[in-house]
Amino acid sequence: MTSTAEKSRTRRVLLAILAVATVIGHFLRDVLGFFAESAETDSDKTTSDSVRGGVLNYRTGKLDDGTDAAGWYEKD
């Protein structure tokens, strides 16, 4: 049978491991947040074009509703 001193020691070791894992998790979250903030995005190319759908306008290179009078919608 284990003594109370051994149970207490085991509990302290498990709490220390949990604390270290928590610190590592917070550190990784902060590092990933830092890189996500510094990522540059191209304002012309938004994901809303692809999510919205539509027809590819070869004049502009974007998806639209197909009503651009100056655009063309078929490959040459």
C-alpha atoms as a PDB file:
ATOM      1  CA  MET A   1       0.000   0.000   0.000  1.00  0.00           C
ATOM      2  CA  THR A   2       1.291   3.466  -0.795  1.00  0.00           C
ATOM      3  CA  SER A   3       1.806   5.979   1.912  1.00  0.00           C
ATOM      4  CA  THR A   4       0.353   9.448   1.967  1.00  0.00           C
ATOM      5  CA  ALA A   5       3.806  10.896   1.355  1.00  0.00           C
ATOM      6  CA  GLU A   6       4.091   8.955  -1.914  1.00  0.00           C
ATOM      7  CA  LYS A   7       0.587  10.037  -2.998  1.00  0.00           C
ATOM      8  CA  SER A   8       1.452  13.639  -2.209  1.00  0.00           C
ATOM      9  CA  ARG A   9       4.684  13.393  -4.189  1.00  0.00           C
ATOM     10  CA  THR A  10       2.889  11.839  -7.177  1.00  0.00           C
ATOM     11  CA  ARG A  11       0.274  14.565  -7.071  1.00  0.00           C
ATOM     12  CA  ARG A  12       2.957  17.299  -7.000  1.00  0.00           C
ATOM     13  CA  VAL A  13       4.739  15.709  -9.968  1.00  0.00           C
ATOM     14  CA  LEU A  14       1.513  15.523 -11.985  1.00  0.00           C
ATOM     15  CA  LEU A  15       0.679  19.148 -11.140  1.00  0.00           C
ATOM     16  CA  ALA A  16       4.182  20.210 -12.179  1.00  0.00           C
ATOM     17  CA  ILE A  17       3.799  18.378 -15.515  1.00  0.00           C
ATOM     18  CA  LEU A  18       0.426  20.053 -16.038  1.00  0.00           C
ATOM     19  CA  ALA A  19       1.930  23.459 -15.248  1.00  0.00           C
ATOM     20  CA  VAL A  20       4.785  22.933 -17.718  1.00  0.00           C
ATOM     21  CA  ALA A  21       2.346  21.786 -20.422  1.00  0.00           C
ATOM     22  CA  THR A  22       0.197  24.864 -19.766  1.00  0.00           C
ATOM     23  CA  VAL A  23       3.175  27.199 -20.065  1.00  0.00           C
ATOM     24  CA  ILE A  24       4.271  25.547 -23.314  1.00  0.00           C
ATOM     25  CA  GLY A  25       0.710  25.830 -24.669  1.00  0.00           C
ATOM     26  CA  HIS A  26       0.528  29.536 -23.843  1.00  0.00           C
ATOM     27  CA  PHE A  27       3.930  30.109 -25.409  1.00  0.00           C
ATOM     28  CA  LEU A  28       2.954  28.335 -28.637  1.00  0.00           C
ATOM     29  CA  ARG A  29      -0.317  30.289 -28.768  1.00  0.00           C
ATOM     30  CA  ASP A  30       1.567  33.580 -28.429  1.00  0.00           C
ATOM     31  CA  VAL A  31       4.139  32.619 -31.084  1.00  0.00           C
ATOM     32  CA  LEU A  32       1.434  31.550 -33.547  1.00  0.00           C
ATOM     33  CA  GLY A  33      -0.503  34.744 -32.821  1.00  0.00           C
ATOM     34  CA  PHE A  34       2.608  36.800 -33.490  1.00  0.00           C
ATOM     35  CA  PHE A  35       3.144  35.170 -36.880  1.00  0.00           C
ATOM     36  CA  ALA A  36      -0.539  35.464 -37.760  1.00  0.00           C
ATOM     37  CA  GLU A  37      -0.496  39.207 -37.019  1.00  0.00           C
ATOM     38  CA  SER A  38       2.555  39.799 -39.174  1.00  0.00           C
ATOM     39  CA  ALA A  39       1.203  37.888 -42.196  1.00  0.00           C
ATOM     40  CA  GLU A  40       0.673  40.137 -45.188  1.00  0.00           C
ATOM     41  CA  THR A  41      -2.358  39.660 -47.401  1.00  0.00           C
ATOM     42  CA  ASP A  42      -3.035  40.905 -50.895  1.00  0.00           C
ATOM     43  CA  SER A  43      -6.024  43.237 -50.801  1.00  0.00           C
ATOM     44  CA  ASP A  44      -6.902  42.622 -54.466  1.00  0.00           C
ATOM     45  CA  LYS A  45      -7.205  38.874 -54.086  1.00  0.00           C
ATOM     46  CA  THR A  46      -9.867  38.199 -51.487  1.00  0.00           C
ATOM     47  CA  THR A  47     -11.363  34.857 -50.651  1.00  0.00           C
ATOM     48  CA  SER A  48     -14.826  36.353 -50.950  1.00  0.00           C
ATOM     49  CA  ASP A  49     -14.601  36.016 -54.755  1.00  0.00           C
ATOM     50  CA  SER A  50     -14.192  32.261 -54.579  1.00  0.00           C
ATOM     51  CA  VAL A  51     -16.706  31.827 -51.771  1.00  0.00           C
ATOM     52  CA  ARG A  52     -19.283  33.970 -53.525  1.00  0.00           C
ATOM     53  CA  GLY A  53     -19.004  32.035 -56.779  1.00  0.00           C
ATOM     54  CA  GLY A  54     -19.876  33.375 -60.190  1.00  0.00           C
ATOM     55  CA  VAL A  55     -18.396  33.311 -63.664  1.00  0.00           C
ATOM     56  CA  LEU A  56     -14.727  33.927 -64.376  1.00  0.00           C
ATOM     57  CA  ASN A  57     -14.271  37.262 -66.127  1.00  0.00           C
ATOM     58  CA  TYR A  58     -11.103  36.844 -68.208  1.00  0.00           C
ATOM     59  CA  ARG A  59     -10.694  40.622 -68.572  1.00  0.00           C
ATOM     60  CA  THR A  60     -10.455  41.227 -64.810  1.00  0.00           C
ATOM     61  CA  GLY A  61      -9.376  37.737 -63.739  1.00  0.00           C
ATOM     62  CA  LYS A  62     -12.070  37.675 -61.045  1.00  0.00           C
ATOM     63  CA  LEU A  63     -15.368  35.925 -60.533  1.00  0.00           C
ATOM     64  CA  ASP A  64     -18.430  38.079 -61.084  1.00  0.00           C
ATOM     65  CA  ASP A  65     -22.106  37.754 -61.954  1.00  0.00           C
ATOM     66  CA  GLY A  66     -21.470  37.709 -65.718  1.00  0.00           C
ATOM     67  CA  THR A  67     -22.940  41.113 -66.554  1.00  0.00           C
ATOM     68  CA  ASP A  68     -19.733  43.032 -67.377  1.00  0.00           C
ATOM     69  CA  ALA A  69     -20.319  44.422 -70.877  1.00  0.00           C
ATOM     70  CA  ALA A  70     -16.611  44.932 -71.533  1.00  0.00           C
ATOM     71  CA  GLY A  71     -15.552  41.565 -70.098  1.00  0.00           C
ATOM     72  CA  TRP A  72     -15.406  38.191 -71.790  1.00  0.00           C
ATOM     73  CA  TYR A  73     -16.447  34.949 -70.183  1.00  0.00           C
ATOM     74  CA  GLU A  74     -15.172  32.278 -72.552  1.00  0.00           C
ATOM     75  CA  LYS A  75     -11.604  31.216 -73.336  1.00  0.00           C
ATOM     76  CA  ASP A  76     -10.281  32.447 -76.670  1.00  0.00           C
END
